């Protein structure tokens, strides 16, 4: 690696806590003129309340780059594994996620 490549290299560290990840089955996106906010939420079957597990704030430019990267990666995934199936109704939030009703 030459000196120019070494100067342009970005060293990214991943702590063990962050490497574990946070599961999310719902994302809510809002925006203002200067930023996009993505709230990642984990909903549980039969429980009508859910907490935001992670919030990511992006510039509009970064949000567009993220969109492009997701589109490219979904296309690569589908070329190997087939088309990702989507539920028929995407407009409503799945409060029960198809699971049984909670009982005490």
N, C-alpha and C. Protein backbone atom coordinates (compact mmCIF):
# COMPACT_ATOMS: atom_id res chain seq x y z
N UNK A 1 0.85 -1.18 0.00
CA UNK A 1 0.00 0.00 0.00
C UNK A 1 0.89 1.23 0.00
N UNK A 2 0.61 2.15 -0.91
CA UNK A 2 1.45 3.34 -0.96
C UNK A 2 0.99 4.37 0.07
N UNK A 3 1.78 5.42 0.23
CA UNK A 3 1.51 6.41 1.28
C UNK A 3 0.17 7.10 1.07
N UNK A 4 -0.20 7.42 -0.17
CA UNK A 4 -1.49 8.08 -0.45
C UNK A 4 -2.65 7.19 -0.01
N UNK A 5 -2.58 5.89 -0.30
CA UNK A 5 -3.65 4.97 0.09
C UNK A 5 -3.74 4.87 1.61
N UNK A 6 -2.57 4.85 2.29
CA UNK A 6 -2.56 4.79 3.75
C UNK A 6 -3.18 6.03 4.37
N UNK A 7 -2.95 7.21 3.78
CA UNK A 7 -3.51 8.44 4.30
C UNK A 7 -5.02 8.49 4.11
N UNK A 8 -5.55 7.87 3.06
CA UNK A 8 -6.98 7.89 2.77
C UNK A 8 -7.72 6.72 3.42
N UNK A 9 -7.02 5.84 4.10
CA UNK A 9 -7.65 4.67 4.71
C UNK A 9 -8.39 5.06 5.98
N UNK A 10 -9.58 4.52 6.15
CA UNK A 10 -10.39 4.78 7.34
C UNK A 10 -10.35 3.55 8.23
N UNK A 11 -9.99 3.73 9.48
CA UNK A 11 -9.93 2.64 10.44
C UNK A 11 -11.22 2.64 11.23
N UNK A 12 -12.05 1.61 11.05
CA UNK A 12 -13.34 1.51 11.73
C UNK A 12 -13.25 0.45 12.81
N UNK A 13 -13.63 0.81 14.02
CA UNK A 13 -13.62 -0.14 15.14
C UNK A 13 -15.05 -0.53 15.49
N UNK A 14 -15.23 -1.78 15.86
CA UNK A 14 -16.53 -2.31 16.23
C UNK A 14 -16.42 -2.93 17.61
N UNK A 15 -17.04 -2.28 18.60
CA UNK A 15 -16.97 -2.80 19.97
C UNK A 15 -17.80 -4.08 20.08
N UNK A 16 -17.50 -4.95 21.03
CA UNK A 16 -18.29 -6.18 21.20
C UNK A 16 -19.77 -5.90 21.45
N UNK A 17 -20.09 -4.83 22.19
CA UNK A 17 -21.49 -4.50 22.47
C UNK A 17 -22.24 -4.13 21.19
N UNK A 18 -21.61 -3.31 20.35
CA UNK A 18 -22.24 -2.90 19.10
C UNK A 18 -22.29 -4.07 18.12
N UNK A 19 -21.28 -4.93 18.15
CA UNK A 19 -21.24 -6.08 17.25
C UNK A 19 -22.40 -7.05 17.49
N UNK A 20 -22.92 -7.08 18.72
CA UNK A 20 -24.08 -7.93 19.01
C UNK A 20 -25.30 -7.49 18.24
N UNK A 21 -25.42 -6.22 17.93
CA UNK A 21 -26.55 -5.70 17.18
C UNK A 21 -27.79 -5.55 18.03
N UNK A 22 -28.78 -4.90 17.45
CA UNK A 22 -30.08 -4.70 18.09
C UNK A 22 -31.12 -5.15 17.09
N UNK A 23 -31.99 -6.09 17.48
CA UNK A 23 -33.03 -6.57 16.58
C UNK A 23 -34.12 -5.52 16.43
N UNK A 24 -34.57 -5.33 15.20
CA UNK A 24 -35.65 -4.40 14.91
C UNK A 24 -36.57 -5.02 13.87
N UNK A 25 -37.88 -4.92 14.09
CA UNK A 25 -38.83 -5.39 13.09
C UNK A 25 -39.77 -4.27 12.65
N UNK A 26 -39.41 -3.04 13.00
CA UNK A 26 -40.17 -1.87 12.55
C UNK A 26 -39.24 -0.67 12.54
N UNK A 27 -39.32 0.12 11.49
CA UNK A 27 -38.56 1.37 11.41
C UNK A 27 -39.53 2.49 11.06
N UNK A 28 -39.42 3.59 11.77
CA UNK A 28 -40.23 4.77 11.50
C UNK A 28 -39.28 5.88 11.08
N UNK A 29 -39.57 6.48 9.94
CA UNK A 29 -38.68 7.50 9.38
C UNK A 29 -39.41 8.84 9.35
N UNK A 30 -38.76 9.86 9.90
CA UNK A 30 -39.26 11.23 9.84
C UNK A 30 -38.13 12.10 9.30
N UNK A 31 -38.48 13.30 8.86
CA UNK A 31 -37.43 14.18 8.33
C UNK A 31 -37.80 15.63 8.50
N UNK A 32 -36.75 16.45 8.50
CA UNK A 32 -36.88 17.90 8.47
C UNK A 32 -36.11 18.37 7.25
N UNK A 33 -35.95 19.65 7.11
CA UNK A 33 -35.20 20.17 5.97
C UNK A 33 -33.72 19.75 6.03
N UNK A 34 -33.21 19.52 7.23
CA UNK A 34 -31.77 19.28 7.36
C UNK A 34 -31.38 17.87 7.79
N UNK A 35 -32.36 17.01 8.15
CA UNK A 35 -31.98 15.68 8.62
C UNK A 35 -33.11 14.67 8.45
N UNK A 36 -32.70 13.40 8.36
CA UNK A 36 -33.62 12.27 8.38
C UNK A 36 -33.38 11.55 9.70
N UNK A 37 -34.46 11.15 10.35
CA UNK A 37 -34.37 10.42 11.61
C UNK A 37 -35.02 9.06 11.40
N UNK A 38 -34.25 8.01 11.69
CA UNK A 38 -34.76 6.64 11.56
C UNK A 38 -34.78 6.03 12.96
N UNK A 39 -35.98 5.72 13.44
CA UNK A 39 -36.15 5.05 14.73
C UNK A 39 -36.37 3.57 14.47
N UNK A 40 -35.53 2.73 15.08
CA UNK A 40 -35.65 1.28 14.96
C UNK A 40 -36.34 0.75 16.21
N UNK A 41 -37.38 -0.04 16.01
CA UNK A 41 -38.26 -0.49 17.08
C UNK A 41 -38.36 -2.01 17.05
N UNK A 42 -38.46 -2.61 18.23
CA UNK A 42 -38.72 -4.05 18.33
C UNK A 42 -40.12 -4.23 18.91
N UNK A 43 -41.02 -4.77 18.09
CA UNK A 43 -42.38 -5.04 18.55
C UNK A 43 -42.48 -6.50 18.93
N UNK A 44 -43.26 -6.78 19.96
CA UNK A 44 -43.46 -8.16 20.41
C UNK A 44 -44.90 -8.57 20.11
N UNK A 45 -45.13 -9.84 19.76
CA UNK A 45 -46.49 -10.31 19.45
C UNK A 45 -47.45 -10.05 20.59
N UNK A 46 -48.62 -9.50 20.25
CA UNK A 46 -49.67 -9.28 21.22
C UNK A 46 -49.45 -8.13 22.19
N UNK A 47 -48.37 -7.38 22.03
CA UNK A 47 -48.07 -6.27 22.94
C UNK A 47 -48.21 -4.97 22.14
N UNK A 48 -49.20 -4.12 22.49
CA UNK A 48 -49.44 -2.91 21.69
C UNK A 48 -48.45 -1.77 21.96
N UNK A 49 -47.52 -1.94 22.89
CA UNK A 49 -46.55 -0.90 23.20
C UNK A 49 -45.16 -1.40 22.82
N UNK A 50 -44.37 -0.51 22.22
CA UNK A 50 -43.00 -0.87 21.84
C UNK A 50 -42.10 0.34 22.06
N UNK A 51 -40.86 0.08 22.40
CA UNK A 51 -39.89 1.15 22.64
C UNK A 51 -38.92 1.27 21.47
N UNK A 52 -38.47 2.49 21.23
CA UNK A 52 -37.42 2.71 20.25
C UNK A 52 -36.14 2.12 20.82
N UNK A 53 -35.49 1.25 20.06
CA UNK A 53 -34.25 0.60 20.50
C UNK A 53 -33.01 1.35 20.03
N UNK A 54 -33.15 2.06 18.89
CA UNK A 54 -32.02 2.81 18.36
C UNK A 54 -32.54 3.92 17.47
N UNK A 55 -31.88 5.07 17.50
CA UNK A 55 -32.24 6.20 16.64
C UNK A 55 -30.99 6.60 15.87
N UNK A 56 -31.14 6.70 14.56
CA UNK A 56 -30.05 7.12 13.69
C UNK A 56 -30.47 8.43 13.02
N UNK A 57 -29.60 9.43 13.09
CA UNK A 57 -29.88 10.73 12.48
C UNK A 57 -28.90 10.92 11.33
N UNK A 58 -29.44 11.20 10.13
CA UNK A 58 -28.63 11.30 8.92
C UNK A 58 -28.86 12.63 8.21
N UNK A 59 -27.86 13.10 7.52
CA UNK A 59 -28.07 14.24 6.62
C UNK A 59 -28.87 13.73 5.42
N UNK A 60 -29.56 14.61 4.68
CA UNK A 60 -30.28 14.15 3.49
C UNK A 60 -29.35 13.46 2.48
N UNK A 61 -28.14 13.96 2.34
CA UNK A 61 -27.19 13.35 1.41
C UNK A 61 -26.83 11.93 1.84
N UNK A 62 -26.59 11.75 3.14
CA UNK A 62 -26.24 10.43 3.65
C UNK A 62 -27.44 9.48 3.55
N UNK A 63 -28.65 10.00 3.79
CA UNK A 63 -29.85 9.17 3.65
C UNK A 63 -29.99 8.66 2.22
N UNK A 64 -29.69 9.49 1.25
CA UNK A 64 -29.78 9.07 -0.15
C UNK A 64 -28.71 8.04 -0.48
N UNK A 65 -27.51 8.21 0.06
CA UNK A 65 -26.45 7.20 -0.14
C UNK A 65 -26.84 5.87 0.51
N UNK A 66 -27.46 5.95 1.70
CA UNK A 66 -27.92 4.73 2.37
C UNK A 66 -28.99 4.03 1.54
N UNK A 67 -29.94 4.80 0.99
CA UNK A 67 -30.98 4.23 0.13
C UNK A 67 -30.34 3.49 -1.05
N UNK A 68 -29.39 4.12 -1.70
CA UNK A 68 -28.72 3.51 -2.86
C UNK A 68 -27.98 2.23 -2.44
N UNK A 69 -27.30 2.27 -1.30
CA UNK A 69 -26.57 1.09 -0.83
C UNK A 69 -27.54 -0.05 -0.49
N UNK A 70 -28.67 0.27 0.13
CA UNK A 70 -29.67 -0.76 0.43
C UNK A 70 -30.25 -1.36 -0.85
N UNK A 71 -30.56 -0.51 -1.83
CA UNK A 71 -31.09 -1.00 -3.10
C UNK A 71 -30.10 -1.95 -3.77
N UNK A 72 -28.83 -1.58 -3.79
CA UNK A 72 -27.80 -2.43 -4.41
C UNK A 72 -27.67 -3.76 -3.66
N UNK A 73 -27.68 -3.72 -2.33
CA UNK A 73 -27.52 -4.94 -1.55
C UNK A 73 -28.75 -5.84 -1.62
N UNK A 74 -29.94 -5.26 -1.68
CA UNK A 74 -31.14 -6.07 -1.85
C UNK A 74 -31.12 -6.75 -3.21
N UNK A 75 -30.71 -6.03 -4.25
CA UNK A 75 -30.61 -6.63 -5.59
C UNK A 75 -29.62 -7.79 -5.59
N UNK A 76 -28.47 -7.63 -4.93
CA UNK A 76 -27.49 -8.72 -4.84
C UNK A 76 -28.06 -9.91 -4.08
N UNK A 77 -28.74 -9.65 -2.96
CA UNK A 77 -29.35 -10.71 -2.16
C UNK A 77 -30.36 -11.48 -2.99
N UNK A 78 -31.26 -10.75 -3.68
CA UNK A 78 -32.31 -11.40 -4.46
C UNK A 78 -31.75 -12.16 -5.65
N UNK A 79 -30.62 -11.73 -6.18
CA UNK A 79 -30.03 -12.47 -7.30
C UNK A 79 -29.51 -13.83 -6.86
N UNK A 80 -29.16 -13.97 -5.58
CA UNK A 80 -28.68 -15.23 -5.04
C UNK A 80 -29.81 -16.05 -4.41
N UNK A 81 -30.69 -15.40 -3.66
CA UNK A 81 -31.68 -16.10 -2.85
C UNK A 81 -33.11 -16.03 -3.38
N UNK A 82 -33.34 -15.29 -4.45
CA UNK A 82 -34.69 -15.11 -4.96
C UNK A 82 -35.34 -13.88 -4.37
N UNK A 83 -36.47 -13.51 -4.98
CA UNK A 83 -37.18 -12.29 -4.58
C UNK A 83 -37.65 -12.38 -3.13
N UNK A 84 -37.46 -11.30 -2.40
CA UNK A 84 -37.92 -11.21 -1.02
C UNK A 84 -39.44 -11.03 -1.05
N UNK A 85 -40.14 -11.90 -0.33
CA UNK A 85 -41.60 -11.83 -0.29
C UNK A 85 -42.02 -10.76 0.71
N UNK A 86 -43.00 -9.94 0.31
CA UNK A 86 -43.53 -8.90 1.18
C UNK A 86 -44.98 -9.22 1.52
N UNK A 87 -45.42 -8.86 2.73
CA UNK A 87 -46.84 -9.04 3.06
C UNK A 87 -47.72 -8.21 2.12
N UNK A 88 -48.95 -8.66 1.91
CA UNK A 88 -49.87 -7.94 1.02
C UNK A 88 -50.17 -6.54 1.53
N UNK A 89 -50.34 -6.39 2.82
CA UNK A 89 -50.72 -5.10 3.40
C UNK A 89 -49.51 -4.49 4.09
N UNK A 90 -48.90 -3.48 3.49
CA UNK A 90 -47.73 -2.84 4.07
C UNK A 90 -48.07 -1.51 4.75
N UNK A 91 -49.33 -1.03 4.60
CA UNK A 91 -49.67 0.29 5.11
C UNK A 91 -49.97 0.32 6.60
N UNK A 92 -50.36 -0.81 7.18
CA UNK A 92 -50.71 -0.79 8.60
C UNK A 92 -49.57 -1.35 9.43
N UNK A 93 -49.44 -0.84 10.62
CA UNK A 93 -48.41 -1.32 11.54
C UNK A 93 -48.90 -2.63 12.14
N UNK A 94 -48.12 -3.69 12.08
CA UNK A 94 -48.57 -5.01 12.56
C UNK A 94 -48.47 -5.11 14.08
N UNK A 95 -49.45 -4.53 14.80
CA UNK A 95 -49.36 -4.51 16.26
C UNK A 95 -49.34 -5.90 16.86
N UNK A 96 -50.03 -6.87 16.26
CA UNK A 96 -50.01 -8.21 16.87
C UNK A 96 -49.00 -9.13 16.19
N UNK A 97 -48.42 -8.71 15.09
CA UNK A 97 -47.42 -9.48 14.36
C UNK A 97 -47.86 -10.91 14.08
N UNK A 98 -49.16 -11.13 14.04
CA UNK A 98 -49.67 -12.45 13.70
C UNK A 98 -49.62 -13.46 14.83
N UNK A 99 -49.20 -13.04 16.00
CA UNK A 99 -49.09 -13.96 17.13
C UNK A 99 -50.36 -14.01 17.94
N UNK A 100 -50.42 -14.89 18.93
CA UNK A 100 -51.62 -14.98 19.77
C UNK A 100 -51.75 -13.75 20.65
N UNK A 101 -52.98 -13.49 21.11
CA UNK A 101 -53.22 -12.37 22.02
C UNK A 101 -52.56 -12.67 23.37
N UNK A 102 -52.02 -11.62 23.98
CA UNK A 102 -51.38 -11.78 25.29
C UNK A 102 -52.42 -12.11 26.35
N UNK A 103 -52.07 -13.00 27.23
CA UNK A 103 -52.97 -13.37 28.33
C UNK A 103 -52.16 -13.41 29.63
N UNK A 104 -52.84 -13.05 30.73
CA UNK A 104 -52.18 -13.07 32.03
C UNK A 104 -52.50 -14.36 32.75
